[in-house]
């Protein structure tokens, strides 16, 4: 391979690499992140020591879609020996 052909090949390689990196960076910018609109967390403890936790979250994506998430968790204490 002649030196001039090698330099031309490397120049094309750099251009292709820069174009690929630019396309990847642009895709990350266009996708964006979800935005948390509201969040609410409540916990209650019953007489036997059981803890009930409820969490409600509302998020909005970059395209305007609103998602509501309800999560409930129940934790019981270990039995006493």
PDB file of N, CA and C in Angstrom:
ATOM      1  N   UNK A   1       0.849  -1.172   0.000  1.00  0.00           N
ATOM      2  CA  UNK A   1       0.000   0.000   0.000  1.00  0.00           C
ATOM      3  C   UNK A   1       0.899   1.241   0.000  1.00  0.00           C
ATOM      4  N   UNK A   2       0.595   2.162  -0.868  1.00  0.00           N
ATOM      5  CA  UNK A   2       1.390   3.374  -0.960  1.00  0.00           C
ATOM      6  C   UNK A   2       1.016   4.333   0.168  1.00  0.00           C
ATOM      7  N   UNK A   3       1.943   5.174   0.584  1.00  0.00           N
ATOM      8  CA  UNK A   3       1.674   6.100   1.689  1.00  0.00           C
ATOM      9  C   UNK A   3       0.482   7.021   1.439  1.00  0.00           C
ATOM     10  N   UNK A   4       0.312   7.476   0.211  1.00  0.00           N
ATOM     11  CA  UNK A   4      -0.814   8.387  -0.062  1.00  0.00           C
ATOM     12  C   UNK A   4      -2.148   7.645   0.062  1.00  0.00           C
ATOM     13  N   UNK A   5      -2.192   6.388  -0.348  1.00  0.00           N
ATOM     14  CA  UNK A   5      -3.418   5.598  -0.224  1.00  0.00           C
ATOM     15  C   UNK A   5      -3.717   5.323   1.253  1.00  0.00           C
ATOM     16  N   UNK A   6      -2.665   5.071   2.035  1.00  0.00           N
ATOM     17  CA  UNK A   6      -2.827   4.817   3.465  1.00  0.00           C
ATOM     18  C   UNK A   6      -3.397   6.046   4.173  1.00  0.00           C
ATOM     19  N   UNK A   7      -2.885   7.223   3.826  1.00  0.00           N
ATOM     20  CA  UNK A   7      -3.374   8.454   4.434  1.00  0.00           C
ATOM     21  C   UNK A   7      -4.835   8.723   4.067  1.00  0.00           C
ATOM     22  N   UNK A   8      -5.210   8.446   2.830  1.00  0.00           N
ATOM     23  CA  UNK A   8      -6.589   8.637   2.395  1.00  0.00           C
ATOM     24  C   UNK A   8      -7.513   7.677   3.145  1.00  0.00           C
ATOM     25  N   UNK A   9      -7.052   6.454   3.345  1.00  0.00           N
ATOM     26  CA  UNK A   9      -7.847   5.448   4.066  1.00  0.00           C
ATOM     27  C   UNK A   9      -8.045   5.883   5.525  1.00  0.00           C
ATOM     28  N   UNK A  10      -7.012   6.392   6.163  1.00  0.00           N
ATOM     29  CA  UNK A  10      -7.104   6.840   7.554  1.00  0.00           C
ATOM     30  C   UNK A  10      -8.012   8.067   7.669  1.00  0.00           C
ATOM     31  N   UNK A  11      -7.977   8.934   6.662  1.00  0.00           N
ATOM     32  CA  UNK A  11      -8.831  10.116   6.678  1.00  0.00           C
ATOM     33  C   UNK A  11     -10.298   9.681   6.621  1.00  0.00           C
ATOM     34  N   UNK A  12     -10.608   8.719   5.752  1.00  0.00           N
ATOM     35  CA  UNK A  12     -11.983   8.209   5.658  1.00  0.00           C
ATOM     36  C   UNK A  12     -12.395   7.532   6.955  1.00  0.00           C
ATOM     37  N   UNK A  13     -11.473   6.803   7.565  1.00  0.00           N
ATOM     38  CA  UNK A  13     -11.756   6.118   8.827  1.00  0.00           C
ATOM     39  C   UNK A  13     -12.102   7.126   9.924  1.00  0.00           C
ATOM     40  N   UNK A  14     -11.381   8.230   9.977  1.00  0.00           N
ATOM     41  CA  UNK A  14     -11.656   9.264  10.972  1.00  0.00           C
ATOM     42  C   UNK A  14     -13.014   9.909  10.733  1.00  0.00           C
ATOM     43  N   UNK A  15     -13.353  10.138   9.482  1.00  0.00           N
ATOM     44  CA  UNK A  15     -14.641  10.750   9.153  1.00  0.00           C
ATOM     45  C   UNK A  15     -15.786   9.822   9.549  1.00  0.00           C
ATOM     46  N   UNK A  16     -15.652   8.547   9.255  1.00  0.00           N
ATOM     47  CA  UNK A  16     -16.697   7.571   9.606  1.00  0.00           C
ATOM     48  C   UNK A  16     -16.835   7.469  11.129  1.00  0.00           C
ATOM     49  N   UNK A  17     -15.714   7.459  11.838  1.00  0.00           N
ATOM     50  CA  UNK A  17     -15.754   7.379  13.300  1.00  0.00           C
ATOM     51  C   UNK A  17     -16.429   8.612  13.894  1.00  0.00           C
ATOM     52  N   UNK A  18     -16.096   9.787  13.401  1.00  0.00           N
ATOM     53  CA  UNK A  18     -16.719  11.018  13.902  1.00  0.00           C
ATOM     54  C   UNK A  18     -18.215  11.049  13.602  1.00  0.00           C
ATOM     55  N   UNK A  19     -18.605  10.589  12.434  1.00  0.00           N
ATOM     56  CA  UNK A  19     -20.026  10.560  12.083  1.00  0.00           C
ATOM     57  C   UNK A  19     -20.786   9.594  12.987  1.00  0.00           C
ATOM     58  N   UNK A  20     -20.204   8.438  13.277  1.00  0.00           N
ATOM     59  CA  UNK A  20     -20.862   7.465  14.153  1.00  0.00           C
ATOM     60  C   UNK A  20     -20.992   8.003  15.573  1.00  0.00           C
ATOM     61  N   UNK A  21     -19.951   8.653  16.070  1.00  0.00           N
ATOM     62  CA  UNK A  21     -20.002   9.223  17.423  1.00  0.00           C
ATOM     63  C   UNK A  21     -21.030  10.346  17.504  1.00  0.00           C
ATOM     64  N   UNK A  22     -21.131  11.156  16.466  1.00  0.00           N
ATOM     65  CA  UNK A  22     -22.108  12.246  16.447  1.00  0.00           C
ATOM     66  C   UNK A  22     -23.530  11.697  16.434  1.00  0.00           C
ATOM     67  N   UNK A  23     -23.768  10.654  15.656  1.00  0.00           N
ATOM     68  CA  UNK A  23     -25.096  10.052  15.607  1.00  0.00           C
ATOM     69  C   UNK A  23     -25.472   9.448  16.957  1.00  0.00           C
ATOM     70  N   UNK A  24     -24.524   8.822  17.623  1.00  0.00           N
ATOM     71  CA  UNK A  24     -24.785   8.242  18.935  1.00  0.00           C
ATOM     72  C   UNK A  24     -25.093   9.333  19.962  1.00  0.00           C
ATOM     73  N   UNK A  25     -24.331  10.406  19.957  1.00  0.00           N
ATOM     74  CA  UNK A  25     -24.561  11.508  20.896  1.00  0.00           C
ATOM     75  C   UNK A  25     -25.915  12.162  20.632  1.00  0.00           C
ATOM     76  N   UNK A  26     -26.287  12.314  19.382  1.00  0.00           N
ATOM     77  CA  UNK A  26     -27.569  12.924  19.037  1.00  0.00           C
ATOM     78  C   UNK A  26     -28.725  12.056  19.502  1.00  0.00           C
ATOM     79  N   UNK A  27     -28.576  10.743  19.403  1.00  0.00           N
ATOM     80  CA  UNK A  27     -29.657   9.861  19.850  1.00  0.00           C
ATOM     81  C   UNK A  27     -29.861   9.980  21.350  1.00  0.00           C
ATOM     82  N   UNK A  28     -28.787  10.129  22.136  1.00  0.00           N
ATOM     83  CA  UNK A  28     -28.929  10.306  23.573  1.00  0.00           C
ATOM     84  C   UNK A  28     -29.621  11.629  23.905  1.00  0.00           C
ATOM     85  N   UNK A  29     -29.342  12.667  23.139  1.00  0.00           N
ATOM     86  CA  UNK A  29     -29.963  13.961  23.392  1.00  0.00           C
ATOM     87  C   UNK A  29     -31.452  13.957  23.062  1.00  0.00           C
ATOM     88  N   UNK A  30     -31.831  13.224  22.027  1.00  0.00           N
ATOM     89  CA  UNK A  30     -33.229  13.200  21.614  1.00  0.00           C
ATOM     90  C   UNK A  30     -34.098  12.349  22.531  1.00  0.00           C
ATOM     91  N   UNK A  31     -33.540  11.299  23.111  1.00  0.00           N
ATOM     92  CA  UNK A  31     -34.320  10.398  23.950  1.00  0.00           C
ATOM     93  C   UNK A  31     -34.708  11.086  25.240  1.00  0.00           C
ATOM     94  N   UNK A  32     -33.796  11.713  25.924  1.00  0.00           N
ATOM     95  CA  UNK A  32     -34.094  12.423  27.156  1.00  0.00           C
ATOM     96  C   UNK A  32     -34.341  11.477  28.316  1.00  0.00           C
ATOM     97  N   UNK A  33     -34.806  12.044  29.413  1.00  0.00           N
ATOM     98  CA  UNK A  33     -35.052  11.269  30.622  1.00  0.00           C
ATOM     99  C   UNK A  33     -36.487  11.479  31.065  1.00  0.00           C
ATOM    100  N   UNK A  34     -36.967  10.526  31.880  1.00  0.00           N
ATOM    101  CA  UNK A  34     -38.281  10.693  32.476  1.00  0.00           C
ATOM    102  C   UNK A  34     -38.210  11.748  33.565  1.00  0.00           C
ATOM    103  N   UNK A  35     -39.286  12.504  33.691  1.00  0.00           N
ATOM    104  CA  UNK A  35     -39.359  13.552  34.705  1.00  0.00           C
ATOM    105  C   UNK A  35     -40.386  13.130  35.739  1.00  0.00           C
ATOM    106  N   UNK A  36     -40.000  13.161  37.021  1.00  0.00           N
ATOM    107  CA  UNK A  36     -40.917  12.790  38.095  1.00  0.00           C
ATOM    108  C   UNK A  36     -41.858  13.960  38.359  1.00  0.00           C
ATOM    109  N   UNK A  37     -43.165  13.729  38.138  1.00  0.00           N
ATOM    110  CA  UNK A  37     -44.159  14.770  38.331  1.00  0.00           C
ATOM    111  C   UNK A  37     -44.565  14.830  39.797  1.00  0.00           C
ATOM    112  N   UNK A  38     -44.854  13.670  40.399  1.00  0.00           N
ATOM    113  CA  UNK A  38     -45.210  13.643  41.810  1.00  0.00           C
ATOM    114  C   UNK A  38     -44.824  12.301  42.413  1.00  0.00           C
ATOM    115  N   UNK A  39     -44.633  12.304  43.732  1.00  0.00           N
ATOM    116  CA  UNK A  39     -44.278  11.092  44.457  1.00  0.00           C
ATOM    117  C   UNK A  39     -44.866  11.182  45.862  1.00  0.00           C
ATOM    118  N   UNK A  40     -45.456  10.076  46.297  1.00  0.00           N
ATOM    119  CA  UNK A  40     -46.074  10.044  47.618  1.00  0.00           C
ATOM    120  C   UNK A  40     -45.759   8.700  48.263  1.00  0.00           C
ATOM    121  N   UNK A  41     -45.309   8.725  49.523  1.00  0.00           N
ATOM    122  CA  UNK A  41     -44.958   7.501  50.228  1.00  0.00           C
ATOM    123  C   UNK A  41     -45.589   7.539  51.617  1.00  0.00           C
ATOM    124  N   UNK A  42     -46.356   6.472  51.939  1.00  0.00           N
ATOM    125  CA  UNK A  42     -46.997   6.386  53.252  1.00  0.00           C
ATOM    126  C   UNK A  42     -46.658   5.048  53.890  1.00  0.00           C
ATOM    127  N   UNK A  43     -46.497   5.054  55.199  1.00  0.00           N
ATOM    128  CA  UNK A  43     -46.225   3.833  55.956  1.00  0.00           C
ATOM    129  C   UNK A  43     -47.157   3.788  57.163  1.00  0.00           C
ATOM    130  N   UNK A  44     -47.693   2.594  57.426  1.00  0.00           N
ATOM    131  CA  UNK A  44     -48.533   2.386  58.599  1.00  0.00           C
ATOM    132  C   UNK A  44     -48.042   1.157  59.343  1.00  0.00           C
ATOM    133  N   UNK A  45     -48.114   1.204  60.675  1.00  0.00           N
ATOM    134  CA  UNK A  45     -47.687   0.094  61.513  1.00  0.00           C
ATOM    135  C   UNK A  45     -48.914  -0.409  62.280  1.00  0.00           C
ATOM    136  N   UNK A  46     -49.193  -1.707  62.181  1.00  0.00           N
ATOM    137  CA  UNK A  46     -50.332  -2.279  62.891  1.00  0.00           C
ATOM    138  C   UNK A  46     -49.910  -2.754  64.282  1.00  0.00           C
ATOM    139  N   UNK A  47     -50.883  -3.220  65.067  1.00  0.00           N
ATOM    140  CA  UNK A  47     -50.622  -3.643  66.446  1.00  0.00           C
ATOM    141  C   UNK A  47     -49.630  -4.800  66.545  1.00  0.00           C
ATOM    142  N   UNK A  48     -49.647  -5.715  65.553  1.00  0.00           N
ATOM    143  CA  UNK A  48     -48.745  -6.870  65.610  1.00  0.00           C
ATOM    144  C   UNK A  48     -47.349  -6.565  65.082  1.00  0.00           C
ATOM    145  N   UNK A  49     -47.070  -5.328  64.718  1.00  0.00           N
ATOM    146  CA  UNK A  49     -45.738  -4.932  64.255  1.00  0.00           C
ATOM    147  C   UNK A  49     -45.553  -4.976  62.751  1.00  0.00           C
ATOM    148  N   UNK A  50     -46.611  -5.318  62.019  1.00  0.00           N
ATOM    149  CA  UNK A  50     -46.522  -5.367  60.566  1.00  0.00           C
ATOM    150  C   UNK A  50     -46.487  -3.945  60.005  1.00  0.00           C
ATOM    151  N   UNK A  51     -45.546  -3.709  59.102  1.00  0.00           N
ATOM    152  CA  UNK A  51     -45.392  -2.388  58.479  1.00  0.00           C
ATOM    153  C   UNK A  51     -45.864  -2.481  57.034  1.00  0.00           C
ATOM    154  N   UNK A  52     -46.822  -1.626  56.667  1.00  0.00           N
ATOM    155  CA  UNK A  52     -47.316  -1.561  55.292  1.00  0.00           C
ATOM    156  C   UNK A  52     -46.861  -0.240  54.695  1.00  0.00           C
ATOM    157  N   UNK A  53     -46.168  -0.335  53.564  1.00  0.00           N
ATOM    158  CA  UNK A  53     -45.649   0.847  52.885  1.00  0.00           C
ATOM    159  C   UNK A  53     -46.267   0.925  51.496  1.00  0.00           C
ATOM    160  N   UNK A  54     -46.800   2.088  51.146  1.00  0.00           N
ATOM    161  CA  UNK A  54     -47.361   2.324  49.817  1.00  0.00           C
ATOM    162  C   UNK A  54     -46.638   3.505  49.196  1.00  0.00           C
ATOM    163  N   UNK A  55     -46.256   3.339  47.934  1.00  0.00           N
ATOM    164  CA  UNK A  55     -45.561   4.404  47.221  1.00  0.00           C
ATOM    165  C   UNK A  55     -46.236   4.626  45.877  1.00  0.00           C
ATOM    166  N   UNK A  56     -46.617   5.874  45.597  1.00  0.00           N
ATOM    167  CA  UNK A  56     -47.247   6.244  44.338  1.00  0.00           C
ATOM    168  C   UNK A  56     -46.340   7.246  43.632  1.00  0.00           C
ATOM    169  N   UNK A  57     -46.039   6.976  42.373  1.00  0.00           N
ATOM    170  CA  UNK A  57     -45.161   7.844  41.597  1.00  0.00           C
ATOM    171  C   UNK A  57     -45.795   8.122  40.233  1.00  0.00           C
ATOM    172  N   UNK A  58     -45.743   9.369  39.799  1.00  0.00           N
ATOM    173  CA  UNK A  58     -46.215   9.761  38.478  1.00  0.00           C
ATOM    174  C   UNK A  58     -45.029  10.357  37.732  1.00  0.00           C
ATOM    175  N   UNK A  59     -44.705   9.772  36.564  1.00  0.00           N
ATOM    176  CA  UNK A  59     -43.599  10.273  35.749  1.00  0.00           C
ATOM    177  C   UNK A  59     -44.105  10.656  34.364  1.00  0.00           C
ATOM    178  N   UNK A  60     -43.379  11.575  33.745  1.00  0.00           N
ATOM    179  CA  UNK A  60     -43.712  12.013  32.390  1.00  0.00           C
ATOM    180  C   UNK A  60     -42.473  11.840  31.530  1.00  0.00           C
ATOM    181  N   UNK A  61     -42.619  11.108  30.417  1.00  0.00           N
ATOM    182  CA  UNK A  61     -41.481  10.895  29.517  1.00  0.00           C
ATOM    183  C   UNK A  61     -41.327  12.087  28.586  1.00  0.00           C
ATOM    184  N   UNK A  62     -40.256  12.071  27.810  1.00  0.00           N
ATOM    185  CA  UNK A  62     -39.959  13.210  26.936  1.00  0.00           C
ATOM    186  C   UNK A  62     -40.991  13.376  25.828  1.00  0.00           C
ATOM    187  N   UNK A  63     -41.711  12.298  25.472  1.00  0.00           N
ATOM    188  CA  UNK A  63     -42.730  12.420  24.427  1.00  0.00           C
ATOM    189  C   UNK A  63     -44.098  12.815  24.984  1.00  0.00           C
ATOM    190  N   UNK A  64     -44.201  13.061  26.310  1.00  0.00           N
ATOM    191  CA  UNK A  64     -45.435  13.523  26.922  1.00  0.00           C
ATOM    192  C   UNK A  64     -46.275  12.428  27.556  1.00  0.00           C
ATOM    193  N   UNK A  65     -45.858  11.172  27.464  1.00  0.00           N
ATOM    194  CA  UNK A  65     -46.601  10.060  28.044  1.00  0.00           C
ATOM    195  C   UNK A  65     -46.492  10.093  29.566  1.00  0.00           C
ATOM    196  N   UNK A  66     -47.632   9.982  30.251  1.00  0.00           N
ATOM    197  CA  UNK A  66     -47.669   9.998  31.710  1.00  0.00           C
ATOM    198  C   UNK A  66     -47.844   8.565  32.207  1.00  0.00           C
ATOM    199  N   UNK A  67     -47.005   8.170  33.166  1.00  0.00           N
ATOM    200  CA  UNK A  67     -47.054   6.823  33.727  1.00  0.00           C
ATOM    201  C   UNK A  67     -47.258   6.911  35.230  1.00  0.00           C
ATOM    202  N   UNK A  68     -48.253   6.153  35.730  1.00  0.00           N
ATOM    203  CA  UNK A  68     -48.527   6.103  37.163  1.00  0.00           C
ATOM    204  C   UNK A  68     -48.094   4.741  37.681  1.00  0.00           C
ATOM    205  N   UNK A  69     -47.337   4.742  38.781  1.00  0.00           N
ATOM    206  CA  UNK A  69     -46.840   3.509  39.372  1.00  0.00           C
ATOM    207  C   UNK A  69     -47.264   3.443  40.827  1.00  0.00           C
ATOM    208  N   UNK A  70     -47.908   2.327  41.205  1.00  0.00           N
ATOM    209  CA  UNK A  70     -48.287   2.081  42.592  1.00  0.00           C
ATOM    210  C   UNK A  70     -47.505   0.870  43.086  1.00  0.00           C
ATOM    211  N   UNK A  71     -46.828   1.026  44.210  1.00  0.00           N
ATOM    212  CA  UNK A  71     -46.031  -0.060  44.768  1.00  0.00           C
ATOM    213  C   UNK A  71     -46.395  -0.229  46.240  1.00  0.00           C
ATOM    214  N   UNK A  72     -46.725  -1.460  46.619  1.00  0.00           N
ATOM    215  CA  UNK A  72     -47.065  -1.763  48.009  1.00  0.00           C
ATOM    216  C   UNK A  72     -46.107  -2.813  48.544  1.00  0.00           C
ATOM    217  N   UNK A  73     -45.711  -2.638  49.805  1.00  0.00           N
ATOM    218  CA  UNK A  73     -44.794  -3.572  50.438  1.00  0.00           C
ATOM    219  C   UNK A  73     -45.285  -3.839  51.859  1.00  0.00           C
ATOM    220  N   UNK A  74     -45.257  -5.105  52.255  1.00  0.00           N
ATOM    221  CA  UNK A  74     -45.692  -5.483  53.595  1.00  0.00           C
ATOM    222  C   UNK A  74     -44.549  -6.219  54.274  1.00  0.00           C
ATOM    223  N   UNK A  75     -44.140  -5.737  55.445  1.00  0.00           N
ATOM    224  CA  UNK A  75     -43.033  -6.327  56.184  1.00  0.00           C
ATOM    225  C   UNK A  75     -43.551  -6.781  57.544  1.00  0.00           C
ATOM    226  N   UNK A  76     -43.361  -8.070  57.837  1.00  0.00           N
ATOM    227  CA  UNK A  76     -43.775  -8.602  59.120  1.00  0.00           C
ATOM    228  C   UNK A  76     -42.542  -8.837  59.974  1.00  0.00           C
ATOM    229  N   UNK A  77     -42.639  -8.569  61.276  1.00  0.00           N
ATOM    230  CA  UNK A  77     -41.494  -8.776  62.155  1.00  0.00           C
ATOM    231  C   UNK A  77     -41.247 -10.273  62.373  1.00  0.00           C
ATOM    232  N   UNK A  78     -40.029 -10.667  62.684  1.00  0.00           N
ATOM    233  CA  UNK A  78     -39.744 -12.086  62.940  1.00  0.00           C
ATOM    234  C   UNK A  78     -40.461 -12.542  64.215  1.00  0.00           C
ATOM    235  N   UNK A  79     -40.877 -13.822  64.265  1.00  0.00           N
ATOM    236  CA  UNK A  79     -41.567 -14.301  65.470  1.00  0.00           C
ATOM    237  C   UNK A  79     -40.612 -14.339  66.671  1.00  0.00           C
ATOM    238  N   UNK A  80     -41.171 -14.028  67.842  1.00  0.00           N
ATOM    239  CA  UNK A  80     -40.376 -14.044  69.065  1.00  0.00           C
ATOM    240  C   UNK A  80     -40.253 -15.484  69.584  1.00  0.00           C
ATOM    241  N   UNK A  81     -39.059 -15.912  70.019  1.00  0.00           N
ATOM    242  CA  UNK A  81     -38.897 -17.298  70.513  1.00  0.00           C
ATOM    243  C   UNK A  81     -39.460 -17.487  71.895  1.00  0.00           C
TER     244      UNK A  81
END
